Amino acid sequence: MGKKRKKGPSKTKEKKVKRKRPVIKLYQFYKADYKKNTVERTKKFCPRCESNFLAQHSNRISCGQCGYTEYLKAAA
């Protein structure tokens, strides 16, 4: 048999802090017209992937999946 392993001091590991993810508010993406029974999308779709909404930033509109970006005209 081999040598017995020496046990060192027990190490205490700090718990990971879980990141709180923002709650997606679906009422920001759609607008419902109850009189006509229709639903409209308030944000634009990505023309390249055609499956995602475009995220609105201060100076651009971008797709998170494919990286498509449209820059907004600066107000002069």
Protein backbone atom coordinates (compact mmCIF):
# COMPACT_ATOMS: atom_id res chain seq x y z
CA MET A 1 0.00 0.00 0.00
CA GLY A 2 1.04 3.57 -0.64
CA LYS A 3 1.47 6.48 1.70
CA LYS A 4 -1.55 7.97 3.40
CA ARG A 5 -2.55 11.38 2.02
CA LYS A 6 -2.09 14.32 4.37
CA LYS A 7 -5.24 16.30 4.99
CA GLY A 8 -4.82 20.05 5.01
CA PRO A 9 -7.13 22.62 6.54
CA SER A 10 -10.63 22.51 5.15
CA LYS A 11 -11.27 25.25 2.62
CA THR A 12 -14.56 27.06 2.73
CA LYS A 13 -15.79 28.16 -0.66
CA GLU A 14 -18.00 31.22 -0.99
CA LYS A 15 -21.38 30.66 -2.57
CA LYS A 16 -21.88 32.05 -6.06
CA VAL A 17 -24.21 35.01 -6.22
CA LYS A 18 -26.83 34.31 -8.86
CA ARG A 19 -27.50 37.14 -11.28
CA LYS A 20 -31.07 38.35 -11.27
CA ARG A 21 -32.32 38.43 -14.83
CA PRO A 22 -34.74 41.14 -15.87
CA VAL A 23 -38.36 40.13 -16.32
CA ILE A 24 -39.45 40.35 -19.96
CA LYS A 25 -42.48 42.58 -20.26
CA LEU A 26 -44.45 41.36 -23.26
CA TYR A 27 -46.71 44.41 -23.30
CA GLN A 28 -43.72 46.40 -24.59
CA PHE A 29 -43.51 44.28 -27.76
CA TYR A 30 -47.18 44.15 -28.77
CA LYS A 31 -50.09 46.58 -28.90
CA ALA A 32 -53.60 45.15 -28.77
CA ASP A 33 -56.66 46.77 -30.28
CA TYR A 34 -59.63 45.18 -28.55
CA LYS A 35 -62.28 46.81 -30.71
CA LYS A 36 -60.84 45.39 -33.94
CA ASN A 37 -59.46 42.20 -32.31
CA THR A 38 -55.98 42.79 -33.74
CA VAL A 39 -52.46 42.70 -32.34
CA GLU A 40 -49.65 44.89 -33.70
CA ARG A 41 -45.93 44.56 -33.09
CA THR A 42 -44.43 47.76 -31.71
CA LYS A 43 -40.79 46.90 -32.44
CA LYS A 44 -39.16 46.07 -35.78
CA PHE A 45 -38.11 42.55 -36.79
CA CYS A 46 -34.59 41.76 -37.96
CA PRO A 47 -34.49 41.68 -41.78
CA ARG A 48 -31.55 39.26 -41.79
CA CYS A 49 -32.81 36.51 -39.44
CA GLU A 50 -36.52 37.44 -39.58
CA SER A 51 -37.18 35.86 -36.20
CA ASN A 52 -36.07 38.37 -33.56
CA PHE A 53 -37.10 41.81 -32.44
CA LEU A 54 -34.49 44.53 -32.79
CA ALA A 55 -33.23 46.02 -29.51
CA GLN A 56 -33.42 49.79 -29.25
CA HIS A 57 -30.35 51.64 -27.98
CA SER A 58 -29.72 55.37 -27.75
CA ASN A 59 -28.10 55.69 -31.19
CA ARG A 60 -28.84 52.39 -32.95
CA ILE A 61 -31.20 49.43 -33.37
CA SER A 62 -29.51 46.03 -33.23
CA CYS A 63 -30.24 42.30 -33.38
CA GLY A 64 -28.82 40.21 -30.55
CA GLN A 65 -28.68 36.97 -32.53
CA CYS A 66 -26.98 37.87 -35.82
CA GLY A 67 -25.48 41.29 -35.00
CA TYR A 68 -27.42 43.29 -37.62
CA THR A 69 -27.28 47.01 -36.73
CA GLU A 70 -29.08 50.09 -38.02
CA TYR A 71 -27.77 53.46 -36.89
CA LEU A 72 -30.30 56.17 -36.16
CA LYS A 73 -29.88 59.65 -37.61
CA ALA A 74 -28.44 62.09 -35.08
CA ALA A 75 -30.67 65.02 -34.23
CA ALA A 76 -28.90 68.21 -35.35
